[in-house]
Amino acid sequence: MAFAPVQVDRDAWSGEGDLTATLLRRLVSIEQVGFVRVEDAPASETGAGFNFICNEIYVAFRIRRTLELRRTSFGLPLPSIGHRRSLTLGRLEELLAATDGIGAPDYTDGGMLQYLRSERVVPAYQTRGAKVVEMVRIYEAR
């Protein structure tokens, strides 16, 4: 069964963050994902010697229809159509953890995955570098 391409909303994202871009590429490649919105979080900040990038990603999973049989009060089976998400945030965590360059999240709870990465960037023309800290939170959009 062929799925429609994943809808991606990047309008509220500045494009900063290597980890965010890596996560976005991976999320788009997962067929159970139907919609992804990425945006800059208000916690982003730049100062002398550091750059703190904070992004939020909202993911909506595709819905699949299932045929369910439920019993009536007379004991007869009655077919009904149910709707289930094709993926859960917990299963998404497992898929992302198995991906090279992403790995397991640094923090997780029932409604969010959080990744935190830092690196020191030293431009060729400067003797002192800057520390880049990137935090990405992934939520399920409902």
N, C-alpha and C. Protein backbone atom coordinates (compact mmCIF):
# COMPACT_ATOMS: atom_id res chain seq x y z
N MET A 1 0.84 -1.16 0.00
CA MET A 1 0.00 0.00 0.00
C MET A 1 0.89 1.24 0.00
N ALA A 2 0.73 2.12 -0.96
CA ALA A 2 1.56 3.32 -1.08
C ALA A 2 0.93 4.45 -0.27
N PHE A 3 1.77 5.13 0.46
CA PHE A 3 1.32 6.26 1.26
C PHE A 3 1.59 7.56 0.55
N ALA A 4 0.80 8.56 0.85
CA ALA A 4 1.06 9.91 0.34
C ALA A 4 2.32 10.43 1.02
N PRO A 5 3.03 11.34 0.38
CA PRO A 5 4.23 11.88 1.02
C PRO A 5 3.91 12.59 2.33
N VAL A 6 4.88 12.61 3.21
CA VAL A 6 4.72 13.26 4.51
C VAL A 6 4.61 14.78 4.30
N GLN A 7 3.63 15.38 4.94
CA GLN A 7 3.51 16.84 4.90
C GLN A 7 4.46 17.42 5.94
N VAL A 8 5.27 18.40 5.53
CA VAL A 8 6.24 19.01 6.42
C VAL A 8 5.99 20.51 6.45
N ASP A 9 5.83 21.05 7.66
CA ASP A 9 5.64 22.48 7.86
C ASP A 9 6.91 23.04 8.51
N ARG A 10 7.67 23.81 7.73
CA ARG A 10 8.92 24.41 8.21
C ARG A 10 8.80 25.92 8.38
N ASP A 11 7.62 26.48 8.28
CA ASP A 11 7.44 27.92 8.25
C ASP A 11 7.95 28.63 9.51
N ALA A 12 7.85 28.01 10.66
CA ALA A 12 8.25 28.65 11.91
C ALA A 12 9.66 28.23 12.36
N TRP A 13 10.45 27.65 11.44
CA TRP A 13 11.79 27.18 11.78
C TRP A 13 12.81 27.99 11.00
N SER A 14 13.84 28.44 11.69
CA SER A 14 14.88 29.25 11.06
C SER A 14 15.85 28.42 10.22
N GLY A 15 15.85 27.11 10.40
CA GLY A 15 16.76 26.25 9.68
C GLY A 15 18.03 25.93 10.45
N GLU A 16 18.16 26.47 11.66
CA GLU A 16 19.35 26.22 12.47
C GLU A 16 19.23 24.89 13.20
N GLY A 17 20.36 24.23 13.33
CA GLY A 17 20.41 23.00 14.11
C GLY A 17 20.65 21.77 13.26
N ASP A 18 21.85 21.22 13.34
CA ASP A 18 22.18 20.01 12.58
C ASP A 18 21.39 18.80 13.06
N LEU A 19 21.23 18.67 14.38
CA LEU A 19 20.47 17.54 14.91
C LEU A 19 19.01 17.63 14.47
N THR A 20 18.45 18.82 14.48
CA THR A 20 17.07 19.00 14.04
C THR A 20 16.91 18.58 12.59
N ALA A 21 17.85 18.97 11.75
CA ALA A 21 17.80 18.59 10.33
C ALA A 21 17.92 17.08 10.17
N THR A 22 18.79 16.44 10.95
CA THR A 22 18.94 14.99 10.90
C THR A 22 17.65 14.30 11.34
N LEU A 23 17.05 14.77 12.43
CA LEU A 23 15.79 14.20 12.90
C LEU A 23 14.69 14.37 11.86
N LEU A 24 14.64 15.53 11.25
CA LEU A 24 13.61 15.81 10.25
C LEU A 24 13.75 14.87 9.05
N ARG A 25 14.97 14.66 8.58
CA ARG A 25 15.19 13.73 7.46
C ARG A 25 14.74 12.32 7.83
N ARG A 26 15.02 11.91 9.05
CA ARG A 26 14.63 10.55 9.48
C ARG A 26 13.12 10.43 9.63
N LEU A 27 12.48 11.43 10.21
CA LEU A 27 11.04 11.38 10.40
C LEU A 27 10.29 11.31 9.07
N VAL A 28 10.77 12.04 8.09
CA VAL A 28 10.12 12.04 6.78
C VAL A 28 10.24 10.67 6.11
N SER A 29 11.27 9.91 6.45
CA SER A 29 11.47 8.60 5.82
C SER A 29 10.64 7.48 6.47
N ILE A 30 10.01 7.75 7.59
CA ILE A 30 9.19 6.74 8.27
C ILE A 30 7.78 6.78 7.68
N GLU A 31 7.33 5.66 7.14
CA GLU A 31 6.06 5.65 6.42
C GLU A 31 4.85 5.84 7.33
N GLN A 32 4.95 5.55 8.62
CA GLN A 32 3.82 5.72 9.52
C GLN A 32 3.62 7.19 9.93
N VAL A 33 4.56 8.05 9.59
CA VAL A 33 4.45 9.47 9.92
C VAL A 33 3.71 10.17 8.79
N GLY A 34 2.67 10.92 9.15
CA GLY A 34 1.86 11.60 8.15
C GLY A 34 2.10 13.10 8.07
N PHE A 35 2.54 13.71 9.19
CA PHE A 35 2.72 15.16 9.23
C PHE A 35 3.81 15.50 10.23
N VAL A 36 4.65 16.46 9.87
CA VAL A 36 5.72 16.93 10.75
C VAL A 36 5.74 18.46 10.71
N ARG A 37 5.74 19.07 11.89
CA ARG A 37 5.90 20.53 11.97
C ARG A 37 7.11 20.81 12.86
N VAL A 38 8.01 21.63 12.38
CA VAL A 38 9.20 22.00 13.15
C VAL A 38 9.21 23.50 13.33
N GLU A 39 9.55 23.93 14.55
CA GLU A 39 9.56 25.36 14.83
C GLU A 39 10.62 25.69 15.87
N ASP A 40 11.07 26.93 15.82
CA ASP A 40 12.01 27.42 16.82
C ASP A 40 11.28 27.59 18.14
N ALA A 41 11.92 27.19 19.22
CA ALA A 41 11.35 27.40 20.55
C ALA A 41 11.86 28.73 21.09
N PRO A 42 11.10 29.37 21.95
CA PRO A 42 11.52 30.68 22.46
C PRO A 42 12.76 30.64 23.35
N ALA A 43 13.23 29.47 23.72
CA ALA A 43 14.39 29.37 24.61
C ALA A 43 15.72 29.58 23.87
N SER A 44 15.71 29.66 22.54
CA SER A 44 16.94 29.86 21.79
C SER A 44 17.60 31.16 22.18
N GLU A 45 18.92 31.12 22.31
CA GLU A 45 19.64 32.30 22.78
C GLU A 45 21.08 32.25 22.28
N THR A 46 21.65 33.42 22.03
CA THR A 46 23.04 33.52 21.63
C THR A 46 23.75 34.48 22.56
N GLY A 47 24.93 34.12 22.98
CA GLY A 47 25.72 34.98 23.86
C GLY A 47 27.18 34.88 23.49
N ALA A 48 28.02 35.53 24.27
CA ALA A 48 29.46 35.49 24.02
C ALA A 48 29.98 34.09 24.31
N GLY A 49 30.47 33.43 23.29
CA GLY A 49 31.07 32.12 23.47
C GLY A 49 30.11 30.95 23.43
N PHE A 50 28.82 31.18 23.25
CA PHE A 50 27.89 30.06 23.17
C PHE A 50 26.72 30.41 22.27
N ASN A 51 26.08 29.37 21.78
CA ASN A 51 24.88 29.51 20.96
C ASN A 51 23.94 28.38 21.38
N PHE A 52 22.80 28.71 21.98
CA PHE A 52 21.84 27.72 22.44
C PHE A 52 20.68 27.69 21.46
N ILE A 53 20.53 26.56 20.77
CA ILE A 53 19.47 26.39 19.78
C ILE A 53 18.44 25.44 20.37
N CYS A 54 17.19 25.85 20.37
CA CYS A 54 16.11 25.02 20.89
C CYS A 54 15.00 24.94 19.84
N ASN A 55 14.71 23.73 19.41
CA ASN A 55 13.67 23.51 18.40
C ASN A 55 12.66 22.49 18.91
N GLU A 56 11.44 22.62 18.41
CA GLU A 56 10.38 21.67 18.75
C GLU A 56 9.83 21.06 17.48
N ILE A 57 9.62 19.75 17.52
CA ILE A 57 9.07 19.01 16.38
C ILE A 57 7.77 18.36 16.83
N TYR A 58 6.73 18.57 16.04
CA TYR A 58 5.43 17.95 16.30
C TYR A 58 5.17 16.92 15.20
N VAL A 59 4.84 15.71 15.60
CA VAL A 59 4.67 14.60 14.67
C VAL A 59 3.25 14.05 14.79
N ALA A 60 2.59 13.89 13.65
CA ALA A 60 1.27 13.24 13.62
C ALA A 60 1.42 11.93 12.87
N PHE A 61 0.92 10.86 13.46
CA PHE A 61 1.03 9.53 12.85
C PHE A 61 -0.18 9.26 11.98
N ARG A 62 0.03 8.45 10.97
CA ARG A 62 -1.07 8.07 10.09
C ARG A 62 -2.08 7.23 10.88
N ILE A 63 -3.31 7.34 10.50
CA ILE A 63 -4.39 6.59 11.14
C ILE A 63 -4.77 5.43 10.22
N ARG A 64 -4.88 4.26 10.79
CA ARG A 64 -5.31 3.13 9.98
C ARG A 64 -6.66 2.65 10.49
N ARG A 65 -7.46 2.23 9.56
CA ARG A 65 -8.78 1.72 9.91
C ARG A 65 -8.71 0.23 10.13
N THR A 66 -9.37 -0.23 11.17
CA THR A 66 -9.41 -1.66 11.48
C THR A 66 -10.85 -2.10 11.63
N LEU A 67 -11.08 -3.34 11.29
CA LEU A 67 -12.41 -3.91 11.47
C LEU A 67 -12.43 -4.63 12.81
N GLU A 68 -13.35 -4.22 13.66
CA GLU A 68 -13.46 -4.81 14.99
C GLU A 68 -14.84 -5.43 15.15
N LEU A 69 -14.87 -6.52 15.87
CA LEU A 69 -16.15 -7.16 16.18
C LEU A 69 -16.45 -6.93 17.65
N ARG A 70 -17.59 -6.35 17.92
CA ARG A 70 -18.00 -6.19 19.31
C ARG A 70 -19.32 -6.90 19.50
N ARG A 71 -19.57 -7.28 20.70
CA ARG A 71 -20.78 -8.05 21.01
C ARG A 71 -21.92 -7.11 21.38
N THR A 72 -23.08 -7.45 20.89
CA THR A 72 -24.27 -6.69 21.26
C THR A 72 -24.79 -7.23 22.59
N SER A 73 -25.80 -6.63 23.10
CA SER A 73 -26.37 -7.08 24.37
C SER A 73 -27.03 -8.47 24.23
N PHE A 74 -27.31 -8.87 22.99
CA PHE A 74 -27.88 -10.20 22.75
C PHE A 74 -26.81 -11.24 22.47
N GLY A 75 -25.53 -10.85 22.51
CA GLY A 75 -24.44 -11.78 22.27
C GLY A 75 -24.08 -11.97 20.81
N LEU A 76 -24.68 -11.19 19.91
CA LEU A 76 -24.37 -11.31 18.49
C LEU A 76 -23.18 -10.41 18.14
N PRO A 77 -22.31 -10.88 17.25
CA PRO A 77 -21.18 -10.03 16.85
C PRO A 77 -21.66 -8.91 15.92
N LEU A 78 -21.19 -7.72 16.18
CA LEU A 78 -21.54 -6.57 15.37
C LEU A 78 -20.24 -5.93 14.86
N PRO A 79 -20.04 -5.91 13.54
CA PRO A 79 -18.80 -5.32 13.03
C PRO A 79 -18.82 -3.80 13.16
N SER A 80 -17.67 -3.25 13.47
CA SER A 80 -17.53 -1.80 13.50
C SER A 80 -16.12 -1.44 13.04
N ILE A 81 -15.97 -0.25 12.54
CA ILE A 81 -14.67 0.19 12.05
C ILE A 81 -14.01 1.03 13.13
N GLY A 82 -12.81 0.63 13.49
CA GLY A 82 -12.05 1.38 14.48
C GLY A 82 -10.91 2.14 13.82
N HIS A 83 -10.41 3.14 14.49
CA HIS A 83 -9.30 3.94 13.99
C HIS A 83 -8.16 3.87 15.00
N ARG A 84 -6.98 3.50 14.52
CA ARG A 84 -5.81 3.39 15.39
C ARG A 84 -4.63 4.09 14.75
N ARG A 85 -3.82 4.68 15.60
CA ARG A 85 -2.59 5.29 15.11
C ARG A 85 -1.65 4.17 14.65
N SER A 86 -0.96 4.39 13.57
CA SER A 86 -0.07 3.37 13.04
C SER A 86 1.26 3.31 13.79
N LEU A 87 1.52 4.27 14.66
CA LEU A 87 2.77 4.33 15.41
C LEU A 87 2.51 5.06 16.72
N THR A 88 3.31 4.77 17.71
CA THR A 88 3.21 5.48 18.99
C THR A 88 4.52 6.22 19.23
N LEU A 89 4.50 7.13 20.18
CA LEU A 89 5.71 7.87 20.51
C LEU A 89 6.78 6.94 21.07
N GLY A 90 6.39 5.92 21.80
CA GLY A 90 7.33 4.95 22.32
C GLY A 90 8.01 4.14 21.22
N ARG A 91 7.24 3.75 20.23
CA ARG A 91 7.82 3.01 19.10
C ARG A 91 8.69 3.94 18.25
N LEU A 92 8.30 5.20 18.12
CA LEU A 92 9.13 6.17 17.40
C LEU A 92 10.47 6.34 18.10
N GLU A 93 10.45 6.34 19.42
CA GLU A 93 11.70 6.42 20.19
C GLU A 93 12.63 5.27 19.83
N GLU A 94 12.08 4.06 19.72
CA GLU A 94 12.88 2.89 19.35
C GLU A 94 13.46 3.03 17.94
N LEU A 95 12.66 3.52 17.00
CA LEU A 95 13.14 3.71 15.63
C LEU A 95 14.26 4.73 15.56
N LEU A 96 14.10 5.83 16.29
CA LEU A 96 15.13 6.88 16.28
C LEU A 96 16.40 6.41 17.00
N ALA A 97 16.23 5.63 18.07
CA ALA A 97 17.39 5.13 18.82
C ALA A 97 18.24 4.21 17.96
N ALA A 98 17.63 3.50 17.04
CA ALA A 98 18.35 2.58 16.17
C ALA A 98 18.99 3.26 14.96
N THR A 99 18.81 4.57 14.83
CA THR A 99 19.33 5.31 13.69
C THR A 99 20.70 5.89 14.02
N ASP A 100 21.66 5.65 13.14
CA ASP A 100 23.00 6.22 13.32
C ASP A 100 22.93 7.75 13.26
N GLY A 101 23.64 8.40 14.14
CA GLY A 101 23.67 9.85 14.17
C GLY A 101 22.58 10.47 15.04
N ILE A 102 21.64 9.65 15.50
CA ILE A 102 20.58 10.16 16.37
C ILE A 102 20.68 9.49 17.73
N GLY A 103 20.46 8.21 17.79
CA GLY A 103 20.56 7.48 19.05
C GLY A 103 19.37 7.69 19.96
N ALA A 104 19.52 7.21 21.18
CA ALA A 104 18.44 7.30 22.17
C ALA A 104 18.29 8.73 22.66
N PRO A 105 17.07 9.13 23.02
CA PRO A 105 16.89 10.48 23.56
C PRO A 105 17.53 10.60 24.94
N ASP A 106 17.88 11.83 25.30
CA ASP A 106 18.48 12.09 26.60
C ASP A 106 17.44 12.11 27.71
N TYR A 107 16.19 12.42 27.35
CA TYR A 107 15.10 12.43 28.31
C TYR A 107 13.83 12.04 27.57
N THR A 108 12.99 11.29 28.25
CA THR A 108 11.71 10.93 27.65
C THR A 108 10.67 10.79 28.75
N ASP A 109 9.44 11.13 28.41
CA ASP A 109 8.32 10.84 29.29
C ASP A 109 7.17 10.40 28.38
N GLY A 110 5.99 10.30 28.88
CA GLY A 110 4.89 9.78 28.09
C GLY A 110 4.50 10.62 26.89
N GLY A 111 4.88 11.88 26.86
CA GLY A 111 4.43 12.75 25.79
C GLY A 111 5.52 13.49 25.05
N MET A 112 6.80 13.20 25.35
CA MET A 112 7.87 13.96 24.72
C MET A 112 9.17 13.16 24.67
N LEU A 113 9.93 13.38 23.61
CA LEU A 113 11.30 12.89 23.49
C LEU A 113 12.20 14.12 23.45
N GLN A 114 13.28 14.12 24.20
CA GLN A 114 14.17 15.28 24.22
C GLN A 114 15.60 14.85 23.92
N TYR A 115 16.21 15.54 22.97
CA TYR A 115 17.60 15.30 22.60
C TYR A 115 18.41 16.55 22.93
N LEU A 116 19.61 16.35 23.44
CA LEU A 116 20.49 17.46 23.79
C LEU A 116 21.88 17.12 23.27
N ARG A 117 22.42 17.98 22.41
CA ARG A 117 23.75 17.77 21.84
C ARG A 117 24.55 19.07 21.98
N SER A 118 25.84 18.91 22.19
CA SER A 118 26.70 20.09 22.23
C SER A 118 27.97 19.80 21.45
N GLU A 119 28.53 20.86 20.89
CA GLU A 119 29.78 20.75 20.16
C GLU A 119 30.51 22.08 20.23
N ARG A 120 31.80 22.01 20.10
CA ARG A 120 32.61 23.21 20.09
C ARG A 120 32.97 23.51 18.65
N VAL A 121 32.66 24.71 18.21
CA VAL A 121 32.93 25.12 16.84
C VAL A 121 34.03 26.16 16.87
N VAL A 122 35.12 25.88 16.16
CA VAL A 122 36.25 26.81 16.10
C VAL A 122 36.42 27.24 14.64
N PRO A 123 36.00 28.46 14.32
CA PRO A 123 36.19 28.95 12.94
C PRO A 123 37.68 29.11 12.64
N ALA A 124 38.03 29.01 11.38
CA ALA A 124 39.44 29.06 10.97
C ALA A 124 40.09 30.41 11.27
N TYR A 125 39.33 31.47 11.31
CA TYR A 125 39.90 32.80 11.49
C TYR A 125 39.94 33.25 12.95
N GLN A 126 39.54 32.43 13.87
CA GLN A 126 39.53 32.82 15.27
C GLN A 126 40.35 31.83 16.10
N THR A 127 40.85 32.31 17.21
CA THR A 127 41.58 31.42 18.10
C THR A 127 40.63 30.81 19.13
N ARG A 128 39.59 31.54 19.48
CA ARG A 128 38.60 31.01 20.42
C ARG A 128 37.38 30.54 19.68
N GLY A 129 36.85 29.44 20.12
CA GLY A 129 35.65 28.90 19.49
C GLY A 129 34.41 29.26 20.28
N ALA A 130 33.31 28.75 19.80
CA ALA A 130 32.03 28.94 20.47
C ALA A 130 31.42 27.58 20.73
N LYS A 131 30.74 27.44 21.81
CA LYS A 131 30.05 26.19 22.13
C LYS A 131 28.61 26.29 21.60
N VAL A 132 28.23 25.29 20.83
CA VAL A 132 26.87 25.23 20.29
C VAL A 132 26.14 24.11 21.03
N VAL A 133 25.05 24.48 21.69
CA VAL A 133 24.22 23.51 22.40
C VAL A 133 22.86 23.49 21.70
N GLU A 134 22.44 22.29 21.30
CA GLU A 134 21.16 22.16 20.60
C GLU A 134 20.25 21.23 21.38
N MET A 135 19.05 21.70 21.66
CA MET A 135 18.04 20.89 22.32
C MET A 135 16.84 20.76 21.38
N VAL A 136 16.40 19.53 21.16
CA VAL A 136 15.25 19.27 20.30
C VAL A 136 14.25 18.45 21.09
N ARG A 137 13.03 18.92 21.09
CA ARG A 137 11.94 18.18 21.74
C ARG A 137 10.96 17.72 20.66
N ILE A 138 10.56 16.46 20.77
CA ILE A 138 9.60 15.89 19.82
C ILE A 138 8.32 15.56 20.59
N TYR A 139 7.20 16.10 20.08
CA TYR A 139 5.88 15.86 20.67
C TYR A 139 4.99 15.21 19.64
N GLU A 140 3.98 14.51 20.10
CA GLU A 140 2.97 13.99 19.20
C GLU A 140 1.89 15.03 19.00
N ALA A 141 1.65 15.39 17.75
CA ALA A 141 0.57 16.33 17.45
C ALA A 141 -0.74 15.56 17.40
N ARG A 142 -1.75 16.09 18.05
CA ARG A 142 -3.05 15.39 18.07
C ARG A 142 -4.11 16.25 17.47
